[in-house]
Amino acid sequence: MDNDSRLFEYAGQFRILRQVARGGMATVYEAEQLGPAGFTKQIALKIIHDRYARQPEWLQLFIDEAKLSADLVHGNIVQIYQLGQMDAEFFIAMEFIKGVTLRALIDRHRQLGRPMGPALAAYIASRVCRALDFAHNFVDRRGRRLDIVHRDVSPGNVLLTWDGHVKLGDFGIAKAKTMADPAAQRPLMMGKKHYMSPEQILGGQVDWRSDVFTMGIVLFELFALRPLFTEDETNAAIDEVVVAPIPDVARYIPDIDPALEALFRAALSKSPERRPSAADFGRVLDQFCVLHREPGSPERLQAHLAELFPDSYSPPTEQAPTAGAGGQTAPSERSRPSLVRRLLGLK
């Protein structure tokens, strides 16, 4: 077979539609990728702020995010399409998520004074655990294990699509053993201080176990609808995470299942070696749902989002019956369970 390896150059264009979010390091826009013959694709465009683009170590983090995430193709991870540069501006083109952040969902529950169902909370967290397990154990095309650590797992970086899927995004400060790390040169707090492990908040070396500790914090917030750590002043925050005993979760989560309470104790252990893997963390959550006969699913999460965000809920597929080919009416999501039961010979 002939070797067809060649450089295929093209000129791409993006049309920016609106600002979606502005973070400390970059701004994210809803945009359209434009191509020939009227081709368009909805994307998210992440553009690094000028002041960080001028600092080599922070620009390298931005570039590494794209390079590191490009091959992390997983159903629970936001997909990266392209890293580009236009004049002095660097950008990342990525999957555009139609939905809300986990932060918005937690805040909505708090606003309504309504606890999140334990099975739903466990389902969402278990999907994030799947994303982390994939990243922690990822092997590149050369067969190298990269030992990726996200370092910024938080409700704001977990995205929930209107059709009920859970996506972990923003690998902006993630590290792999093949990358240079600004925090390795000097003590540097990388991440959000209320979502850090003891070793991370001290600026020490971190591995996958740090992400597991952070998942324990996120899971607590899903159940309790309040943050686990609250100190704003840096030294006080360090004492709260590193020195003070972890709060008794049963005090804030009434009637907590014993298996979940044990999971919290393990994940939030001050000693990294006592923490479970992200895979085991997720399996415990999935087993909890099965034992309580409330297995999670995209359909359940989709229905929940439709109920809590009626004004903005906008799924990518039509839920009401629609005319299909030949004038037939396509079955709606609600009619499918009864159809399945008939096919299985059930009443």
Protein backbone atom coordinates (compact mmCIF):
# COMPACT_ATOMS: atom_id res chain seq x y z
CA MET A 1 0.00 0.00 0.00
CA ASP A 2 1.36 3.41 -0.94
CA ASN A 3 2.24 5.77 1.87
CA ASP A 4 -0.33 8.58 1.58
CA SER A 5 1.18 10.70 4.36
CA ARG A 6 1.07 14.36 3.33
CA LEU A 7 0.49 17.82 4.74
CA PHE A 8 -3.04 18.98 3.93
CA GLU A 9 -3.23 22.72 4.58
CA TYR A 10 -6.44 24.68 4.90
CA ALA A 11 -7.64 28.08 6.04
CA GLY A 12 -10.25 27.94 8.79
CA GLN A 13 -12.67 30.56 10.05
CA PHE A 14 -14.80 30.96 13.15
CA ARG A 15 -17.74 33.25 13.74
CA ILE A 16 -18.08 34.30 17.40
CA LEU A 17 -21.73 34.50 18.47
CA ARG A 18 -21.74 35.31 22.18
CA GLN A 19 -19.71 35.10 25.37
CA VAL A 20 -20.58 32.05 27.44
CA ALA A 21 -18.20 32.31 30.39
CA ARG A 22 -15.20 34.32 31.55
CA GLY A 23 -12.66 32.66 33.80
CA GLY A 24 -9.43 33.77 35.36
CA MET A 25 -7.30 32.52 32.48
CA ALA A 26 -9.55 32.54 29.41
CA THR A 27 -12.93 33.50 27.98
CA VAL A 28 -15.25 30.96 26.35
CA TYR A 29 -17.53 31.90 23.46
CA GLU A 30 -20.25 30.14 21.56
CA ALA A 31 -19.07 30.16 17.95
CA GLU A 32 -19.49 28.58 14.56
CA GLN A 33 -16.76 26.88 12.60
CA LEU A 34 -17.20 27.87 8.95
CA GLY A 35 -16.31 25.83 5.90
CA PRO A 36 -16.96 25.57 2.19
CA ALA A 37 -20.41 25.07 0.62
CA GLY A 38 -22.14 26.69 3.60
CA PHE A 39 -20.74 24.22 6.14
CA THR A 40 -21.12 25.29 9.79
CA LYS A 41 -20.50 23.51 13.07
CA GLN A 42 -21.44 24.84 16.49
CA ILE A 43 -18.41 24.89 18.79
CA ALA A 44 -17.07 26.53 21.93
CA LEU A 45 -14.06 28.79 21.40
CA LYS A 46 -11.77 29.31 24.38
CA ILE A 47 -9.42 32.31 24.01
CA ILE A 48 -6.63 32.91 26.51
CA HIS A 49 -6.49 36.38 28.08
CA ASP A 50 -3.74 38.64 26.74
CA ARG A 51 -1.95 38.99 30.07
CA TYR A 52 -1.53 35.20 30.34
CA ALA A 53 -0.62 34.80 26.68
CA ARG A 54 2.37 37.06 27.37
CA GLN A 55 3.61 34.85 30.24
CA PRO A 56 5.38 31.75 28.86
CA GLU A 57 4.51 29.38 31.71
CA TRP A 58 0.78 30.19 31.59
CA LEU A 59 0.65 30.12 27.80
CA GLN A 60 2.31 26.71 27.97
CA LEU A 61 -0.44 25.51 30.34
CA PHE A 62 -3.05 26.64 27.82
CA ILE A 63 -1.25 24.88 24.97
CA ASP A 64 -0.77 21.75 27.08
CA GLU A 65 -4.50 21.68 27.88
CA ALA A 66 -5.28 21.33 24.18
CA LYS A 67 -2.50 18.83 23.50
CA LEU A 68 -3.31 16.76 26.58
CA SER A 69 -7.09 16.73 26.06
CA ALA A 70 -7.09 16.17 22.30
CA ASP A 71 -6.79 12.38 22.63
CA LEU A 72 -8.98 12.06 25.73
CA VAL A 73 -11.92 10.81 23.69
CA HIS A 74 -14.50 9.66 26.24
CA GLY A 75 -18.25 10.09 26.60
CA ASN A 76 -17.86 11.92 29.90
CA ILE A 77 -15.12 14.35 28.81
CA VAL A 78 -15.60 17.55 26.80
CA GLN A 79 -13.96 16.98 23.41
CA ILE A 80 -11.15 19.18 22.07
CA TYR A 81 -11.09 19.80 18.30
CA GLN A 82 -8.27 22.23 17.59
CA LEU A 83 -5.56 24.46 19.00
CA GLY A 84 -4.97 27.57 16.94
CA GLN A 85 -3.33 30.95 16.85
CA MET A 86 -4.44 34.14 15.12
CA ASP A 87 -1.93 36.94 15.41
CA ALA A 88 -1.12 37.04 19.14
CA GLU A 89 -4.31 35.25 20.23
CA PHE A 90 -4.27 31.56 21.08
CA PHE A 91 -7.54 29.64 21.09
CA ILE A 92 -8.93 26.16 21.63
CA ALA A 93 -11.93 24.98 19.61
CA MET A 94 -13.94 22.42 21.55
CA GLU A 95 -17.28 20.68 21.90
CA PHE A 96 -20.13 23.09 22.64
CA ILE A 97 -22.25 21.81 25.52
CA LYS A 98 -25.94 22.67 25.49
CA GLY A 99 -27.01 22.50 29.09
CA VAL A 100 -26.00 23.75 32.52
CA THR A 101 -23.10 23.33 34.91
CA LEU A 102 -23.33 21.18 37.98
CA ARG A 103 -22.83 24.43 39.93
CA ALA A 104 -26.06 25.77 38.42
CA LEU A 105 -27.93 22.58 39.35
CA ILE A 106 -26.71 22.65 42.96
CA ASP A 107 -27.55 26.35 43.26
CA ARG A 108 -31.03 25.73 41.84
CA HIS A 109 -31.71 23.01 44.40
CA ARG A 110 -30.47 25.29 47.16
CA GLN A 111 -32.68 28.11 45.88
CA LEU A 112 -35.72 25.81 45.94
CA GLY A 113 -34.80 24.37 49.34
CA ARG A 114 -35.12 20.94 47.78
CA PRO A 115 -32.52 18.20 48.34
CA MET A 116 -31.22 16.36 45.30
CA GLY A 117 -32.31 12.75 45.10
CA PRO A 118 -29.49 10.50 46.42
CA ALA A 119 -29.60 8.26 43.35
CA LEU A 120 -29.39 11.22 40.98
CA ALA A 121 -26.48 12.73 42.92
CA ALA A 122 -24.70 9.36 42.93
CA TYR A 123 -25.28 8.92 39.19
CA ILE A 124 -23.82 12.32 38.30
CA ALA A 125 -20.76 11.76 40.50
CA SER A 126 -20.23 8.26 39.10
CA ARG A 127 -20.01 9.66 35.55
CA VAL A 128 -17.37 12.17 36.64
CA CYS A 129 -15.49 9.29 38.25
CA ARG A 130 -15.55 7.47 34.90
CA ALA A 131 -13.98 10.51 33.23
CA LEU A 132 -11.29 10.74 35.91
CA ASP A 133 -10.53 7.01 35.76
CA PHE A 134 -10.04 7.30 31.98
CA ALA A 135 -7.68 10.26 32.40
CA HIS A 136 -5.75 8.72 35.29
CA ASN A 137 -5.03 5.55 33.32
CA PHE A 138 -4.71 7.02 29.83
CA VAL A 139 -1.96 5.65 27.56
CA ASP A 140 -0.82 7.73 24.58
CA ARG A 141 -0.19 6.53 21.04
CA ARG A 142 3.40 5.66 21.93
CA GLY A 143 2.21 3.38 24.71
CA ARG A 144 3.22 5.73 27.52
CA ARG A 145 1.05 5.96 30.60
CA LEU A 146 0.58 9.72 31.17
CA ASP A 147 -0.69 9.69 34.79
CA ILE A 148 -2.97 12.66 34.11
CA VAL A 149 -4.27 14.54 37.16
CA HIS A 150 -7.08 17.05 36.56
CA ARG A 151 -6.39 19.23 39.64
CA ASP A 152 -9.50 21.37 39.08
CA VAL A 153 -12.53 19.12 39.57
CA SER A 154 -15.35 21.34 40.82
CA PRO A 155 -19.09 21.83 40.16
CA GLY A 156 -18.31 24.63 37.72
CA ASN A 157 -16.21 22.31 35.56
CA VAL A 158 -18.82 19.56 35.33
CA LEU A 159 -21.31 20.12 32.51
CA LEU A 160 -24.76 18.54 32.22
CA THR A 161 -26.25 18.38 28.75
CA TRP A 162 -29.96 18.93 28.22
CA ASP A 163 -30.22 15.33 27.02
CA GLY A 164 -28.85 14.03 30.30
CA HIS A 165 -25.14 13.40 29.79
CA VAL A 166 -22.38 14.37 32.22
CA LYS A 167 -19.13 15.89 30.91
CA LEU A 168 -15.97 16.84 32.75
CA GLY A 169 -14.23 19.83 31.19
CA ASP A 170 -11.45 22.35 31.73
CA PHE A 171 -8.18 20.45 31.87
CA GLY A 172 -6.49 23.85 31.94
CA ILE A 173 -4.28 23.07 34.94
CA ALA A 174 -4.17 19.32 34.50
CA LYS A 175 -0.75 17.75 34.61
CA ALA A 176 0.80 14.66 33.10
CA LYS A 177 4.21 13.19 33.78
CA THR A 178 5.26 14.16 30.23
CA MET A 179 4.52 17.87 30.79
CA ALA A 180 6.34 20.74 32.42
CA ASP A 181 4.47 21.90 35.51
CA PRO A 182 4.80 25.48 36.86
CA ALA A 183 3.95 24.22 40.35
CA ALA A 184 6.98 21.91 40.29
CA GLN A 185 9.39 24.85 40.14
CA ARG A 186 8.11 26.53 43.28
CA PRO A 187 5.21 26.18 45.75
CA LEU A 188 2.20 27.31 43.72
CA MET A 189 -1.46 26.83 44.53
CA MET A 190 -3.01 25.37 41.37
CA GLY A 191 -6.79 25.08 41.51
CA LYS A 192 -9.68 26.31 43.66
CA LYS A 193 -8.82 26.28 47.36
CA HIS A 194 -12.24 24.96 48.43
CA TYR A 195 -11.77 21.94 46.12
CA MET A 196 -8.26 20.82 46.97
CA SER A 197 -6.69 17.86 48.67
CA PRO A 198 -4.29 18.45 51.57
CA GLU A 199 -1.28 17.76 49.34
CA GLN A 200 -2.57 20.06 46.61
CA ILE A 201 -3.35 23.03 48.84
CA LEU A 202 0.18 22.77 50.27
CA GLY A 203 1.63 22.99 46.74
CA GLY A 204 3.11 19.52 46.95
CA GLN A 205 3.31 16.68 44.46
CA VAL A 206 -0.10 15.29 43.50
CA ASP A 207 -1.33 12.20 41.70
CA TRP A 208 -4.72 10.63 40.92
CA ARG A 209 -5.52 10.36 44.63
CA SER A 210 -5.78 14.14 44.85
CA ASP A 211 -8.61 14.11 42.29
CA VAL A 212 -10.38 11.43 44.35
CA PHE A 213 -10.27 13.64 47.45
CA THR A 214 -11.76 16.47 45.38
CA MET A 215 -14.52 14.15 44.14
CA GLY A 216 -15.37 13.50 47.79
CA ILE A 217 -15.82 17.26 48.23
CA VAL A 218 -18.04 17.48 45.14
CA LEU A 219 -20.13 14.48 46.22
CA PHE A 220 -20.64 16.05 49.65
CA GLU A 221 -21.92 19.23 48.02
CA LEU A 222 -24.29 17.24 45.82
CA PHE A 223 -25.85 15.61 48.88
CA ALA A 224 -25.63 18.44 51.42
CA LEU A 225 -26.15 21.40 49.01
CA ARG A 226 -23.46 23.25 50.92
CA PRO A 227 -19.67 23.40 50.47
CA LEU A 228 -17.55 21.15 52.64
CA PHE A 229 -14.82 23.76 53.05
CA THR A 230 -15.66 27.44 53.44
CA GLU A 231 -12.64 29.40 54.72
CA ASP A 232 -11.67 32.24 52.36
CA GLU A 233 -8.41 33.42 53.89
CA THR A 234 -5.61 31.24 52.54
CA ASN A 235 -3.96 30.21 55.81
CA ALA A 236 -7.33 29.44 57.37
CA ALA A 237 -8.27 27.40 54.29
CA ILE A 238 -5.04 25.41 54.59
CA ASP A 239 -5.74 24.69 58.26
CA GLU A 240 -9.30 23.65 57.41
CA VAL A 241 -8.17 21.12 54.79
CA VAL A 242 -4.85 19.91 56.20
CA VAL A 243 -5.18 20.10 59.99
CA ALA A 244 -8.83 20.15 61.06
CA PRO A 245 -10.77 16.86 61.15
CA ILE A 246 -13.06 16.30 58.21
CA PRO A 247 -16.61 17.28 59.27
CA ASP A 248 -18.99 14.45 60.15
CA VAL A 249 -20.96 14.06 56.92
CA ALA A 250 -23.89 12.41 58.75
CA ARG A 251 -24.45 15.71 60.52
CA TYR A 252 -25.20 17.44 57.22
CA ILE A 253 -26.73 14.54 55.27
CA PRO A 254 -29.67 13.08 57.22
CA ASP A 255 -30.20 9.31 56.95
CA ILE A 256 -27.07 8.83 54.86
CA ASP A 257 -26.58 5.28 53.65
CA PRO A 258 -23.78 3.51 55.60
CA ALA A 259 -22.00 2.52 52.37
CA LEU A 260 -21.93 6.14 51.22
CA GLU A 261 -20.74 7.32 54.63
CA ALA A 262 -17.86 4.84 54.41
CA LEU A 263 -17.11 6.06 50.89
CA PHE A 264 -16.91 9.64 52.14
CA ARG A 265 -14.51 8.65 54.92
CA ALA A 266 -12.24 6.83 52.47
CA ALA A 267 -12.26 9.47 49.72
CA LEU A 268 -11.72 12.34 52.16
CA SER A 269 -8.92 10.65 54.07
CA LYS A 270 -5.98 12.93 54.83
CA SER A 271 -3.74 10.00 53.86
CA PRO A 272 -3.71 9.54 50.08
CA GLU A 273 -2.95 5.83 50.33
CA ARG A 274 -6.31 5.22 52.04
CA ARG A 275 -8.36 6.70 49.22
CA PRO A 276 -10.09 4.50 46.63
CA SER A 277 -9.36 4.74 42.93
CA ALA A 278 -11.73 6.81 40.79
CA ALA A 279 -12.97 3.53 39.26
CA ASP A 280 -13.79 2.04 42.69
CA PHE A 281 -15.38 5.33 43.77
CA GLY A 282 -17.69 5.19 40.74
CA ARG A 283 -18.51 1.51 41.21
CA VAL A 284 -19.65 2.08 44.79
CA LEU A 285 -21.96 4.87 43.59
CA ASP A 286 -23.38 2.72 40.79
CA GLN A 287 -23.93 -0.18 43.20
CA PHE A 288 -25.73 2.19 45.58
CA CYS A 289 -28.17 3.10 42.79
CA VAL A 290 -28.73 -0.55 41.87
CA LEU A 291 -29.35 -1.66 45.44
CA HIS A 292 -31.88 1.11 45.91
CA ARG A 293 -33.55 0.20 42.60
CA GLU A 294 -32.94 3.66 41.19
CA PRO A 295 -30.31 3.11 38.51
CA GLY A 296 -29.23 6.36 36.94
CA SER A 297 -29.63 7.10 33.26
CA PRO A 298 -29.45 10.05 30.86
CA GLU A 299 -33.25 9.95 30.61
CA ARG A 300 -33.66 10.43 34.37
CA LEU A 301 -31.21 13.32 34.42
CA GLN A 302 -32.80 14.84 31.33
CA ALA A 303 -36.25 14.78 32.97
CA HIS A 304 -34.81 16.34 36.11
CA LEU A 305 -33.17 19.18 34.20
CA ALA A 306 -36.41 19.81 32.29
CA GLU A 307 -38.24 20.13 35.59
CA LEU A 308 -35.75 22.43 37.29
CA PHE A 309 -34.91 24.67 34.33
CA PRO A 310 -38.19 24.98 32.40
CA ASP A 311 -37.37 28.41 30.99
CA SER A 312 -34.01 27.48 29.49
CA TYR A 313 -34.36 23.73 28.89
CA SER A 314 -33.68 23.09 25.21
CA PRO A 315 -32.88 19.48 24.28
CA PRO A 316 -31.33 18.71 20.88
CA THR A 317 -34.08 16.21 20.02
CA GLU A 318 -37.85 16.66 19.83
CA GLN A 319 -39.66 14.99 22.69
CA ALA A 320 -43.20 15.27 21.37
CA PRO A 321 -44.51 12.90 18.64
CA THR A 322 -43.46 14.08 15.18
CA ALA A 323 -44.43 13.07 11.66
CA GLY A 324 -42.00 10.52 10.29
CA ALA A 325 -41.48 9.09 6.82
CA GLY A 326 -44.65 8.22 4.98
CA GLY A 327 -46.71 10.40 7.28
CA GLN A 328 -46.23 8.03 10.22
CA THR A 329 -45.87 9.45 13.71
CA ALA A 330 -42.53 8.78 15.32
CA PRO A 331 -42.79 7.45 18.90
CA SER A 332 -42.03 9.96 21.62
CA GLU A 333 -39.69 9.14 24.49
CA ARG A 334 -42.71 8.60 26.74
CA SER A 335 -44.26 5.99 24.43
CA ARG A 336 -41.12 3.89 24.06
CA PRO A 337 -41.28 2.00 27.39
CA SER A 338 -44.75 0.62 26.55
CA LEU A 339 -43.54 -0.33 23.06
CA VAL A 340 -40.58 -2.17 24.54
CA ARG A 341 -42.86 -4.00 26.95
CA ARG A 342 -45.09 -5.15 24.07
CA LEU A 343 -42.07 -6.38 22.11
CA LEU A 344 -40.97 -8.38 25.15
CA GLY A 345 -44.43 -9.88 25.55
CA LEU A 346 -45.16 -7.93 28.73
CA LYS A 347 -48.41 -6.16 29.51
